[in-house]
Amino acid sequence: MVLTLHRYIFRELFRSFFLATVVLTLMISVGLLVPTLQDFGVSPGQIIHLLGYFLPIALTFVLPMSALFASSLIYGRFASDRELDACRASGISLWTLVYPGLTLAIFVSVANLMLSFYVAPAFIQRSEQSVKANAEHILFRNIQRKGSYTLPSSPYRLYADRANTKKKLLDGVVIVNLPEGEPGWLITAEQARVRIETHSTYNKATIVAKNAYRFNENDWGQIGDTTIETQFPSLLSDSIKFQKIEQLKRIQADKMNFFPIRKMITQARAQLAIEILARDINIQMRQTDSYYELADADASRSYHLSVGDCKVDPKRANTLLLTAPIQLIQVDKLVTATTVEYTSNQGRISIENDGEDIRLEMTLDSPSWKRPGVEPGKAVRKFVNNIRFPQSLADKVATDGIMQTVSQADTDASVLKGPRSERLKKLCKRIPEKLDKVDNKIYSEIHSRLVLGLGSVALILTGIALGIQFRGGHMLSAFGASAIPGGVLVVFILAGKELTKNPSTPALTGVAVMWLGLVVLAILTLWIYRKLLRT
C-alpha cells in the first residue's frame, strides 16, 4: 500500500516537475542566447547548437525552482483533496508521505552540483569551441552586416568597405585603436588580411595591412605594409563562474591561465620591456660612441641609432622620448645596401603590439635626411614600424616565468636595474591585489555552488510543508510563500560573494555568510515541520 502511494505521489511530482523544467529552461536559454547573437552575429545554423550548449546552464537555476513548484503544487493538492488526512488516519506518518518529495529533492541537489561543477562549464567550453571554429567567419559576417567589428576586450575596431570571406581579405580598411586613458590612432589601408589563432586560454588576432597610412593625435604618415597583433579573451567562457572545478584549481596554481590576469601581466611586461630598453640605450650612449643596433623583424633593414637622451614618456604607456641630437642610419639590405641618414631633434619609440614577440615602432619629427647620390632634404616625419625588440633584452622578459619577472619589477630582484616609472610602479602594485581578488572569486564560487546545491534539499522540503500548510488557498500561494525562503538563500549567497570581493573583509567572512543562509533555511524547514507534525 505504501509503495503504491509513493509511486502515485512521485508520478504526479515528476509530471509537474518535468513540464515546469521544459518551459523554464527554454525561456532562460533563449534569454542567455540573445546577447550572444547580438555580440557575435552567429549564423542561423549555429543558433541550434548554441541553444543546446546553453541548456545545462539554464538547468542549474531551473531545477530547484521547478522542483519547488512541483512539490508545493502536488502536496498542496494532495492535502486539499483530503488524501493526506485519509493517509494519516490510516496510520501512515507524514514523514512517510514526504519520501517521494525528499527523493526528488536529493536528485535535484545532486544534479545541481554536477551541473554547476562539471556539466555546465563543459558545455560552455563546447559553445566556445563552436564559436572559435568560426571566429573569422563571425568577424567577416559582422563587417558584411554592419560594416565594422570590435575585437572583444580589445581597443581595436575594424571598419571595411568590403569583406571577402573566402580569401580572408578586407578592402577599404580603417583600423581604429582607442586604448583606455591613452591617445588613440587609426590606420587606413587599401587591403588587409585577418587571421585569428585560438589558444586554450586566449585568442590572438593578426591583421596585415597593405599600403597603410597612420594617423596619430597630431600627425600622420605613410607606413607601408604593417602588421598588428593583439590578444583577446575567450568569447564566452572568460569568467570564474564558467569554469570547471579542475580549471579553477589550474587557475589557482597558475594565474596566467586566466585571461584578465594574463592581460594585466602583458601590460606590465610591455612597460617593463620599454624601460629596460631605455636604460640599455642610455648606457650604450654614455659608455661608448657606437650606435644602438636595431633591425626589422624580417631582417630586411637594419637601423643604427644615436640619441642625446632616452627617457620614459610619463603620459603614454610603453613609450620612450628621444631627445637631441638624434641620428638614425637606415640600411636597406635588399636594395644594394642603400643607406639613408636621418637627423632630428625629437622622436619616440613605443611598443607596437602586445604579443609574445615584442615589436617596436619609432617616429622622428621633422627629420633632415641624406642619401648618397641624391640632394639632401627634409621630411615632415620619419616613421619606422615592425622593429624587432633586441634579443638580449627580450630574454629578460620572456613569457616563460613572466609572472615572477613582472611581480619583482619594483623590487631589488628586478631585471630592471635603475629607477622605475610611476606607471610601472602602479602596474606592479596592482598585481598582488588582482591575484588576491581572483583567489577570493574562486573561493566564493566554489562555496556558492555548494550552498545552492545543498540548499535545494531544504528548499524543496520547505515547499512541501508550505504546500500542505496552505492547502485551503490558491494552488500557487504555497509556491509563492516557499519562494521567499529561496530568495533569502539567494540573498545570503550574493551577499557572501560581495563580501569576498571587498579587500577590507576576510574572504572567510563572505563564505560564512553563504553557509549561514543555508543554516537559516534548514532551521526554518525544521521549525515548519515541527509545527506541521503537531497539527
Protein backbone atom coordinates (compact mmCIF):
# COMPACT_ATOMS: atom_id res chain seq x y z
CA MET A 1 0.00 0.00 0.00
CA VAL A 2 2.76 2.45 0.99
CA LEU A 3 4.73 1.61 -2.17
CA THR A 4 1.66 2.24 -4.32
CA LEU A 5 1.12 5.56 -2.56
CA HIS A 6 4.75 6.56 -3.11
CA ARG A 7 4.53 5.69 -6.81
CA TYR A 8 1.34 7.74 -7.12
CA ILE A 9 2.85 10.83 -5.46
CA PHE A 10 6.14 10.55 -7.30
CA ARG A 11 4.42 10.16 -10.67
CA GLU A 12 2.45 13.36 -10.09
CA LEU A 13 5.58 15.13 -8.82
CA PHE A 14 7.65 14.07 -11.80
CA ARG A 15 4.99 15.10 -14.31
CA SER A 16 4.73 18.64 -12.94
CA PHE A 17 8.49 18.85 -12.41
CA PHE A 18 9.23 17.79 -15.99
CA LEU A 19 6.78 20.21 -17.60
CA ALA A 20 7.93 23.15 -15.46
CA THR A 21 11.57 22.33 -16.24
CA VAL A 22 10.99 22.25 -20.00
CA VAL A 23 9.14 25.57 -20.07
CA LEU A 24 11.52 27.46 -17.77
CA THR A 25 14.63 26.03 -19.44
CA LEU A 26 13.56 27.15 -22.89
CA MET A 27 12.72 30.63 -21.62
CA ILE A 28 16.04 31.10 -19.82
CA SER A 29 18.11 29.51 -22.61
CA VAL A 30 16.68 31.92 -25.16
CA GLY A 31 17.38 34.80 -22.77
CA LEU A 32 21.01 33.68 -22.43
CA LEU A 33 21.35 33.22 -26.18
CA VAL A 34 20.11 36.65 -27.29
CA PRO A 35 23.18 38.65 -26.06
CA THR A 36 25.48 36.15 -27.81
CA LEU A 37 23.60 36.60 -31.07
CA GLN A 38 23.83 40.38 -30.73
CA ASP A 39 27.53 40.41 -29.81
CA PHE A 40 28.89 37.84 -32.24
CA GLY A 41 26.34 37.70 -35.07
CA VAL A 42 26.45 33.91 -35.35
CA SER A 43 24.86 32.20 -38.31
CA PRO A 44 21.37 30.61 -38.08
CA GLY A 45 22.92 27.15 -38.20
CA GLN A 46 24.91 27.83 -35.03
CA ILE A 47 21.87 29.03 -33.09
CA ILE A 48 20.53 25.47 -32.63
CA HIS A 49 23.93 24.23 -31.48
CA LEU A 50 24.36 27.12 -29.04
CA LEU A 51 20.85 26.60 -27.70
CA GLY A 52 21.80 23.04 -26.82
CA TYR A 53 25.01 24.22 -25.19
CA PHE A 54 23.15 26.74 -23.02
CA LEU A 55 20.61 24.20 -21.71
CA PRO A 56 22.85 22.92 -18.85
CA ILE A 57 23.45 26.50 -17.70
CA ALA A 58 19.73 27.16 -17.57
CA LEU A 59 19.10 23.83 -15.80
CA THR A 60 21.42 24.86 -12.97
CA PHE A 61 18.92 27.56 -11.99
CA VAL A 62 15.75 25.92 -13.26
CA LEU A 63 15.89 22.54 -11.49
CA PRO A 64 15.49 23.89 -7.91
CA MET A 65 12.65 26.22 -8.95
CA SER A 66 10.86 23.52 -10.96
CA ALA A 67 11.14 21.06 -8.10
CA LEU A 68 9.91 23.70 -5.64
CA PHE A 69 6.94 24.47 -7.88
CA ALA A 70 6.07 20.78 -8.36
CA SER A 71 6.41 19.84 -4.68
CA SER A 72 4.32 22.75 -3.34
CA LEU A 73 1.67 22.24 -6.04
CA ILE A 74 1.31 18.45 -5.76
CA TYR A 75 1.46 18.21 -1.97
CA GLY A 76 -0.89 21.20 -1.70
CA ARG A 77 -3.42 19.47 -3.95
CA PHE A 78 -2.83 16.18 -2.09
CA ALA A 79 -3.71 17.91 1.18
CA SER A 80 -6.63 19.97 -0.18
CA ASP A 81 -8.31 16.82 -1.57
CA ARG A 82 -8.16 15.32 1.94
CA GLU A 83 -5.95 12.48 0.70
CA LEU A 84 -3.32 13.46 3.26
CA ASP A 85 -5.86 13.29 6.11
CA ALA A 86 -7.04 9.88 4.90
CA CYS A 87 -3.49 8.52 4.86
CA ARG A 88 -2.70 9.86 8.33
CA ALA A 89 -5.99 8.47 9.66
CA SER A 90 -4.97 5.04 8.36
CA GLY A 91 -1.72 5.20 10.34
CA ILE A 92 0.71 6.45 7.67
CA SER A 93 3.00 9.11 9.11
CA LEU A 94 3.70 12.45 7.47
CA TRP A 95 7.39 11.60 7.09
CA THR A 96 6.47 8.51 5.08
CA LEU A 97 4.38 10.62 2.72
CA VAL A 98 7.27 13.07 2.29
CA TYR A 99 9.66 10.37 0.97
CA PRO A 100 8.85 10.95 -2.74
CA GLY A 101 9.44 14.68 -2.31
CA LEU A 102 12.67 14.01 -0.40
CA THR A 103 13.81 11.72 -3.22
CA LEU A 104 13.15 14.47 -5.74
CA ALA A 105 14.99 16.97 -3.52
CA ILE A 106 18.10 14.76 -3.27
CA PHE A 107 18.02 14.12 -7.02
CA VAL A 108 17.81 17.86 -7.75
CA SER A 109 20.60 18.62 -5.27
CA VAL A 110 22.99 16.06 -6.79
CA ALA A 111 22.06 17.12 -10.33
CA ASN A 112 22.59 20.79 -9.45
CA LEU A 113 26.05 20.09 -8.01
CA MET A 114 27.04 18.03 -11.06
CA LEU A 115 25.74 20.71 -13.42
CA SER A 116 27.43 23.62 -11.68
CA PHE A 117 30.81 21.94 -11.12
CA TYR A 118 31.17 19.87 -14.29
CA VAL A 119 28.41 19.78 -16.92
CA ALA A 120 27.55 23.48 -17.41
CA PRO A 121 31.22 24.62 -17.64
CA ALA A 122 31.94 21.79 -20.09
CA PHE A 123 29.07 22.86 -22.34
CA ILE A 124 30.16 26.50 -22.09
CA GLN A 125 33.57 25.43 -23.40
CA ARG A 126 31.93 23.45 -26.20
CA SER A 127 29.99 26.54 -27.20
CA GLU A 128 33.27 28.47 -27.03
CA GLN A 129 34.90 25.92 -29.35
CA SER A 130 31.93 26.17 -31.71
CA VAL A 131 32.27 29.94 -31.85
CA LYS A 132 36.08 29.76 -32.04
CA ALA A 133 35.89 27.43 -35.02
CA ASN A 134 34.03 30.21 -36.82
CA ALA A 135 35.77 33.20 -35.21
CA GLU A 136 37.00 34.56 -38.52
CA HIS A 137 33.60 33.88 -40.08
CA ILE A 138 31.94 35.87 -37.27
CA LEU A 139 34.32 38.79 -37.87
CA PHE A 140 33.66 38.86 -41.61
CA ARG A 141 29.93 38.31 -41.09
CA ASN A 142 29.72 41.33 -38.77
CA ILE A 143 31.62 43.50 -41.23
CA GLN A 144 29.32 42.38 -44.04
CA ARG A 145 26.24 43.14 -41.92
CA LYS A 146 27.32 46.27 -40.02
CA GLY A 147 30.49 47.42 -41.74
CA SER A 148 32.54 47.13 -38.54
CA TYR A 149 33.66 44.75 -35.81
CA THR A 150 35.21 45.34 -32.39
CA LEU A 151 37.55 42.66 -31.11
CA PRO A 152 36.28 41.54 -27.66
CA SER A 153 38.01 43.25 -24.71
CA SER A 154 40.38 44.97 -27.14
CA PRO A 155 40.91 48.63 -28.11
CA TYR A 156 40.85 47.70 -31.81
CA ARG A 157 37.84 48.27 -34.04
CA LEU A 158 37.81 47.35 -37.73
CA TYR A 159 35.87 49.10 -40.50
CA ALA A 160 35.83 47.92 -44.10
CA ASP A 161 34.00 48.64 -47.35
CA ARG A 162 34.01 45.01 -48.47
CA ALA A 163 34.79 41.64 -46.89
CA ASN A 164 35.96 38.59 -48.84
CA THR A 165 35.36 35.63 -46.53
CA LYS A 166 36.96 33.03 -48.81
CA LYS A 167 40.26 34.90 -49.16
CA LYS A 168 40.05 36.38 -45.63
CA LEU A 169 40.58 39.86 -47.07
CA LEU A 170 39.11 43.24 -46.22
CA ASP A 171 39.04 46.09 -48.76
CA GLY A 172 38.96 49.79 -47.89
CA VAL A 173 40.08 49.21 -44.31
CA VAL A 174 40.18 51.53 -41.30
CA ILE A 175 41.70 50.18 -38.07
CA VAL A 176 40.97 52.30 -35.00
CA ASN A 177 42.91 51.90 -31.77
CA LEU A 178 41.37 53.62 -28.72
CA PRO A 179 43.24 52.47 -25.60
CA GLU A 180 41.68 53.46 -22.30
CA GLY A 181 43.15 56.67 -20.95
CA GLU A 182 45.67 56.99 -23.82
CA PRO A 183 45.71 58.95 -27.10
CA GLY A 184 44.45 56.76 -29.90
CA TRP A 185 45.36 56.37 -33.55
CA LEU A 186 43.93 54.94 -36.73
CA ILE A 187 45.33 53.21 -39.77
CA THR A 188 43.84 53.28 -43.25
CA ALA A 189 44.81 50.67 -45.83
CA GLU A 190 43.79 49.57 -49.28
CA GLN A 191 43.54 45.98 -48.13
CA ALA A 192 44.09 43.88 -45.00
CA ARG A 193 44.35 40.18 -44.31
CA VAL A 194 42.94 38.95 -40.98
CA ARG A 195 43.94 35.77 -39.18
CA ILE A 196 42.66 34.60 -35.78
CA GLU A 197 44.54 31.96 -33.80
CA THR A 198 42.78 30.20 -30.93
CA HIS A 199 44.55 29.04 -27.79
CA SER A 200 43.27 27.30 -24.68
CA THR A 201 43.11 30.46 -22.55
CA TYR A 202 43.13 33.30 -25.09
CA ASN A 203 42.85 34.20 -28.78
CA LYS A 204 45.24 36.14 -30.97
CA ALA A 205 44.26 38.30 -33.94
CA THR A 206 46.83 39.21 -36.60
CA ILE A 207 45.99 41.98 -39.08
CA VAL A 208 48.35 42.54 -42.03
CA ALA A 209 47.56 45.88 -43.70
CA LYS A 210 48.84 46.74 -47.19
CA ASN A 211 49.96 50.24 -48.26
CA ALA A 212 48.84 51.74 -44.96
CA TYR A 213 48.71 55.30 -43.63
CA ARG A 214 48.75 56.03 -39.92
CA PHE A 215 47.03 59.00 -38.28
CA ASN A 216 48.07 59.93 -34.74
CA GLU A 217 46.71 62.61 -32.46
CA ASN A 218 48.58 65.46 -34.15
CA ASP A 219 50.25 63.96 -37.22
CA TRP A 220 50.06 61.36 -39.95
CA GLY A 221 52.32 59.49 -42.34
CA GLN A 222 52.62 56.62 -44.77
CA ILE A 223 53.92 53.45 -43.13
CA GLY A 224 53.63 50.97 -45.99
CA ASP A 225 52.82 47.38 -45.05
CA THR A 226 52.28 46.85 -41.33
CA THR A 227 51.27 44.02 -39.01
CA ILE A 228 49.10 44.41 -35.91
CA GLU A 229 48.83 41.66 -33.30
CA THR A 230 46.54 41.68 -30.28
CA GLN A 231 45.30 39.16 -27.77
CA PHE A 232 41.69 38.94 -26.66
CA PRO A 233 39.90 36.63 -24.20
CA SER A 234 37.72 33.61 -24.80
CA LEU A 235 34.48 34.79 -26.36
CA LEU A 236 32.10 33.08 -23.91
CA SER A 237 33.92 31.32 -21.06
CA ASP A 238 36.20 34.07 -19.75
CA SER A 239 34.72 34.10 -16.25
CA ILE A 240 35.38 32.29 -12.99
CA LYS A 241 31.72 31.25 -12.78
CA PHE A 242 32.01 29.34 -16.09
CA GLN A 243 34.99 27.18 -15.06
CA LYS A 244 35.05 23.51 -14.09
CA ILE A 245 36.49 22.60 -10.73
CA GLU A 246 39.66 21.28 -12.41
CA GLN A 247 40.08 24.57 -14.24
CA LEU A 248 39.55 26.55 -11.04
CA LYS A 249 42.36 24.53 -9.45
CA ARG A 250 44.52 25.12 -12.54
CA ILE A 251 43.93 28.87 -12.29
CA GLN A 252 44.79 28.78 -8.60
CA ALA A 253 48.08 27.07 -9.47
CA ASP A 254 48.93 29.40 -12.39
CA LYS A 255 47.03 32.66 -12.71
CA MET A 256 48.26 33.11 -16.30
CA ASN A 257 45.57 30.58 -17.26
CA PHE A 258 43.00 33.31 -16.51
CA PHE A 259 42.90 35.92 -19.29
CA PRO A 260 42.26 39.07 -17.16
CA ILE A 261 45.44 38.24 -15.24
CA ARG A 262 47.29 37.43 -18.47
CA LYS A 263 46.22 40.80 -19.89
CA MET A 264 47.40 42.69 -16.80
CA ILE A 265 50.74 40.85 -16.78
CA THR A 266 51.15 41.54 -20.51
CA GLN A 267 50.62 45.27 -19.93
CA ALA A 268 53.18 45.29 -17.13
CA ARG A 269 55.58 43.26 -19.27
CA ALA A 270 55.36 45.80 -22.10
CA GLN A 271 56.07 48.72 -19.75
CA LEU A 272 58.94 46.83 -18.13
CA ALA A 273 60.38 45.97 -21.55
CA ILE A 274 60.32 49.57 -22.79
CA GLU A 275 62.03 50.80 -19.60
CA ILE A 276 64.72 48.12 -19.92
CA LEU A 277 65.26 49.31 -23.49
CA ALA A 278 65.57 52.94 -22.33
CA ARG A 279 68.21 52.01 -19.78
CA ASP A 280 70.11 49.89 -22.31
CA ILE A 281 70.15 52.71 -24.89
CA ASN A 282 71.31 55.29 -22.33
CA ILE A 283 74.10 53.03 -21.07
CA GLN A 284 75.41 52.48 -24.58
CA MET A 285 75.18 56.18 -25.47
CA ARG A 286 77.13 57.22 -22.36
CA GLN A 287 79.76 54.50 -22.28
CA THR A 288 80.58 54.23 -25.99
CA ASP A 289 80.41 56.30 -29.13
CA SER A 290 78.84 53.47 -31.13
CA TYR A 291 75.28 53.31 -32.41
CA TYR A 292 72.50 51.29 -30.86
CA GLU A 293 71.68 48.45 -33.25
CA LEU A 294 68.09 47.64 -34.25
CA ALA A 295 66.59 45.68 -37.15
CA ASP A 296 63.33 44.90 -38.90
CA ALA A 297 61.52 41.73 -37.86
CA ASP A 298 62.11 40.32 -41.36
CA ALA A 299 65.78 41.42 -41.31
CA SER A 300 65.29 43.46 -44.49
CA ARG A 301 66.61 46.64 -42.87
CA SER A 302 68.97 47.50 -40.07
CA TYR A 303 68.93 50.72 -38.04
CA HIS A 304 71.82 52.41 -36.25
CA LEU A 305 70.51 54.85 -33.65
CA SER A 306 72.28 57.57 -31.70
CA VAL A 307 70.43 59.86 -29.25
CA GLY A 308 71.26 62.53 -26.72
CA ASP A 309 68.99 61.02 -24.09
CA CYS A 310 66.21 58.46 -23.83
CA LYS A 311 63.56 58.66 -21.13
CA VAL A 312 60.18 57.13 -20.35
CA ASP A 313 57.15 59.12 -21.51
CA PRO A 314 55.08 59.90 -18.37
CA LYS A 315 51.90 60.45 -20.41
CA ARG A 316 51.88 57.46 -22.77
CA ALA A 317 52.19 53.79 -21.93
CA ASN A 318 55.06 51.78 -23.40
CA THR A 319 56.66 54.87 -24.97
CA LEU A 320 60.15 56.43 -24.84
CA LEU A 321 61.01 60.04 -25.65
CA LEU A 322 64.19 60.65 -27.67
CA THR A 323 66.00 63.98 -27.32
CA ALA A 324 68.57 65.76 -29.49
CA PRO A 325 70.89 65.10 -31.08
CA ILE A 326 69.17 62.16 -32.79
CA GLN A 327 70.82 60.35 -35.67
CA LEU A 328 69.33 57.32 -37.43
CA ILE A 329 71.15 55.43 -40.18
CA GLN A 330 68.86 53.13 -42.15
CA VAL A 331 70.47 50.36 -44.21
CA ASP A 332 68.22 48.59 -46.71
CA LYS A 333 69.81 45.17 -47.17
CA LEU A 334 67.57 44.13 -50.06
CA VAL A 335 68.31 47.11 -52.31
CA THR A 336 72.10 47.06 -52.75
CA ALA A 337 72.64 48.13 -49.16
CA THR A 338 71.06 51.56 -49.69
CA THR A 339 71.86 53.87 -46.79
CA VAL A 340 69.78 56.83 -45.62
CA GLU A 341 70.82 59.05 -42.72
CA TYR A 342 68.22 60.96 -40.69
CA THR A 343 68.85 63.66 -38.08
CA SER A 344 66.21 65.12 -35.79
CA ASN A 345 65.73 66.97 -32.53
CA GLN A 346 62.98 64.83 -31.09
CA GLY A 347 61.35 61.46 -31.55
CA ARG A 348 59.91 58.49 -29.74
CA ILE A 349 59.99 54.71 -29.58
CA SER A 350 56.99 52.68 -28.48
CA ILE A 351 55.88 49.08 -28.31
CA GLU A 352 53.73 48.23 -31.29
CA ASN A 353 51.91 45.09 -30.12
CA ASP A 354 51.14 43.04 -27.02
CA GLY A 355 52.03 39.63 -28.49
CA GLU A 356 54.65 37.20 -27.30
CA ASP A 357 57.19 38.64 -29.77
CA ILE A 358 57.54 42.31 -28.90
CA ARG A 359 57.73 44.73 -31.84
CA LEU A 360 58.78 48.39 -31.73
CA GLU A 361 57.90 51.45 -33.76
CA MET A 362 59.96 54.63 -33.99
CA THR A 363 58.99 58.15 -35.05
CA LEU A 364 61.32 61.09 -35.77
CA ASP A 365 59.78 64.56 -36.01
CA SER A 366 60.83 66.90 -38.86
CA PRO A 367 63.98 64.94 -39.73
CA SER A 368 66.60 66.01 -42.25
CA TRP A 369 67.80 63.21 -44.48
CA LYS A 370 70.79 62.40 -46.67
CA ARG A 371 71.13 59.67 -49.27
CA PRO A 372 74.19 59.03 -51.47
CA GLY A 373 73.76 60.49 -54.94
CA VAL A 374 70.64 62.48 -54.00
CA GLU A 375 70.21 66.06 -52.84
CA PRO A 376 69.59 66.24 -49.05
CA GLY A 377 66.06 67.00 -47.95
CA LYS A 378 63.74 67.44 -45.02
CA ALA A 379 60.70 65.31 -44.22
CA VAL A 380 57.66 66.04 -42.11
CA ARG A 381 58.16 62.80 -40.27
CA LYS A 382 60.08 59.52 -40.37
CA PHE A 383 58.09 56.52 -39.18
CA VAL A 384 59.55 53.01 -38.79
CA ASN A 385 57.48 50.05 -37.63
CA ASN A 386 57.86 46.31 -37.14
CA ILE A 387 61.25 46.66 -35.43
CA ARG A 388 62.42 43.56 -33.60
CA PHE A 389 62.94 44.01 -29.87
CA PRO A 390 66.63 43.31 -29.08
CA GLN A 391 67.00 39.60 -28.31
CA SER A 392 69.28 40.12 -25.30
CA LEU A 393 66.55 42.23 -23.68
CA ALA A 394 63.70 40.01 -24.88
CA ASP A 395 65.24 37.10 -22.97
CA LYS A 396 64.84 39.11 -19.74
CA VAL A 397 61.08 39.47 -20.30
CA ALA A 398 60.43 36.07 -21.91
CA THR A 399 56.91 34.73 -21.50
CA ASP A 400 58.20 31.73 -19.53
CA GLY A 401 58.22 32.85 -15.91
CA ILE A 402 56.91 36.30 -16.79
CA MET A 403 54.61 36.32 -13.76
CA GLN A 404 57.57 36.25 -11.38
CA THR A 405 59.58 38.65 -13.55
CA VAL A 406 56.84 41.27 -13.55
CA SER A 407 55.97 40.75 -9.87
CA GLN A 408 59.60 41.56 -8.96
CA ALA A 409 59.82 44.56 -11.31
CA ASP A 410 59.59 47.07 -8.45
CA THR A 411 61.95 45.20 -6.10
CA ASP A 412 65.72 44.81 -5.76
CA ALA A 413 65.45 41.48 -7.63
CA SER A 414 64.09 43.22 -10.74
CA VAL A 415 65.67 42.69 -14.16
CA LEU A 416 65.45 46.49 -14.46
CA LYS A 417 68.43 47.95 -12.63
CA GLY A 418 67.64 51.57 -12.04
CA PRO A 419 64.72 53.90 -11.40
CA ARG A 420 61.21 52.79 -12.36
CA SER A 421 58.48 54.98 -13.76
CA GLU A 422 55.35 55.73 -11.77
CA ARG A 423 53.32 53.83 -14.37
CA LEU A 424 55.37 50.66 -13.84
CA LYS A 425 55.12 51.02 -10.06
CA LYS A 426 51.32 51.28 -10.27
CA LEU A 427 51.11 48.23 -12.53
CA CYS A 428 53.31 46.24 -10.14
CA LYS A 429 51.22 47.36 -7.18
CA ARG A 430 48.02 46.11 -8.86
CA ILE A 431 49.36 42.61 -9.43
CA PRO A 432 49.12 41.19 -5.86
CA GLU A 433 45.73 42.88 -5.41
CA LYS A 434 44.41 41.26 -8.60
CA LEU A 435 45.84 37.87 -7.67
CA ASP A 436 44.16 38.00 -4.26
CA LYS A 437 40.90 39.05 -5.89
CA VAL A 438 40.99 36.07 -8.25
CA ASP A 439 41.72 33.71 -5.35
CA ASN A 440 38.75 35.14 -3.45
CA LYS A 441 36.50 34.78 -6.51
CA ILE A 442 37.44 31.13 -6.88
CA TYR A 443 36.92 30.54 -3.16
CA SER A 444 33.47 32.17 -3.16
CA GLU A 445 32.42 30.50 -6.42
CA ILE A 446 33.13 27.00 -5.10
CA HIS A 447 31.24 27.61 -1.85
CA SER A 448 28.31 29.36 -3.56
CA ARG A 449 27.82 26.33 -5.81
CA LEU A 450 27.91 24.03 -2.78
CA VAL A 451 25.44 26.14 -0.80
CA LEU A 452 22.99 26.43 -3.71
CA GLY A 453 23.18 22.70 -4.44
CA LEU A 454 22.76 21.55 -0.84
CA GLY A 455 20.19 24.25 -0.12
CA SER A 456 17.93 22.74 -2.78
CA VAL A 457 17.05 19.90 -0.39
CA ALA A 458 15.89 22.21 2.41
CA LEU A 459 14.15 24.48 -0.09
CA ILE A 460 12.09 21.68 -1.66
CA LEU A 461 11.20 20.23 1.74
CA THR A 462 10.01 23.71 2.75
CA GLY A 463 7.87 23.82 -0.41
CA ILE A 464 6.25 20.50 0.54
CA ALA A 465 5.47 21.69 4.06
CA LEU A 466 4.07 25.04 2.91
CA GLY A 467 2.03 23.29 0.22
CA ILE A 468 0.35 21.26 2.94
CA GLN A 469 0.04 24.30 5.22
CA PHE A 470 -1.66 26.45 2.52
CA ARG A 471 -3.94 23.71 1.23
CA GLY A 472 -7.03 25.86 1.70
CA GLY A 473 -5.78 28.71 -0.51
CA HIS A 474 -4.91 29.12 -4.15
CA MET A 475 -2.67 26.42 -5.57
CA LEU A 476 0.10 28.96 -6.32
CA SER A 477 0.01 30.60 -2.89
CA ALA A 478 2.17 27.83 -1.42
CA PHE A 479 4.69 28.19 -4.24
CA GLY A 480 4.81 31.95 -3.71
CA ALA A 481 5.32 31.53 0.03
CA SER A 482 8.01 28.86 -0.40
CA ALA A 483 9.85 31.04 -2.92
CA ILE A 484 10.52 33.56 -0.15
CA PRO A 485 13.00 31.28 1.71
CA GLY A 486 14.62 30.57 -1.65
CA GLY A 487 15.01 34.29 -2.24
CA VAL A 488 16.51 34.70 1.23
CA LEU A 489 19.06 31.95 0.47
CA VAL A 490 20.00 33.67 -2.79
CA VAL A 491 20.41 36.98 -0.92
CA PHE A 492 22.79 35.31 1.55
CA ILE A 493 24.79 33.80 -1.33
CA LEU A 494 25.05 37.10 -3.20
CA ALA A 495 25.91 38.99 -0.02
CA GLY A 496 28.64 36.46 0.74
CA LYS A 497 30.09 36.78 -2.76
CA GLU A 498 30.13 40.57 -2.48
CA LEU A 499 31.89 40.36 0.88
CA THR A 500 34.62 38.17 -0.61
CA LYS A 501 35.22 40.89 -3.23
CA ASN A 502 35.76 43.50 -0.51
CA PRO A 503 39.54 43.71 0.13
CA SER A 504 38.96 45.02 3.65
CA THR A 505 36.92 41.94 4.62
CA PRO A 506 38.44 38.46 5.02
CA ALA A 507 37.20 36.02 2.38
CA LEU A 508 36.20 33.65 5.16
CA THR A 509 33.56 36.16 6.29
CA GLY A 510 31.80 36.05 2.93
CA VAL A 511 31.88 32.25 2.86
CA ALA A 512 30.49 32.14 6.41
CA VAL A 513 27.58 34.36 5.32
CA MET A 514 26.73 31.92 2.49
CA TRP A 515 26.68 28.92 4.82
CA LEU A 516 24.73 30.94 7.39
CA GLY A 517 21.98 31.31 4.79
CA LEU A 518 21.85 27.53 4.43
CA VAL A 519 21.73 27.08 8.22
CA VAL A 520 18.87 29.61 8.50
CA LEU A 521 16.94 27.79 5.77
CA ALA A 522 17.50 24.42 7.46
CA ILE A 523 16.29 25.78 10.82
CA LEU A 524 13.20 27.27 9.14
CA THR A 525 12.45 23.93 7.48
CA LEU A 526 12.71 22.03 10.78
CA TRP A 527 10.51 24.60 12.54
CA ILE A 528 7.79 24.35 9.86
CA TYR A 529 7.78 20.54 10.02
CA ARG A 530 7.70 20.56 13.81
CA LYS A 531 4.66 22.83 13.69
CA LEU A 532 3.07 20.69 10.97
CA LEU A 533 3.51 17.44 12.91
CA ARG A 534 1.66 18.92 15.88
CA THR A 535 -1.50 19.61 13.84
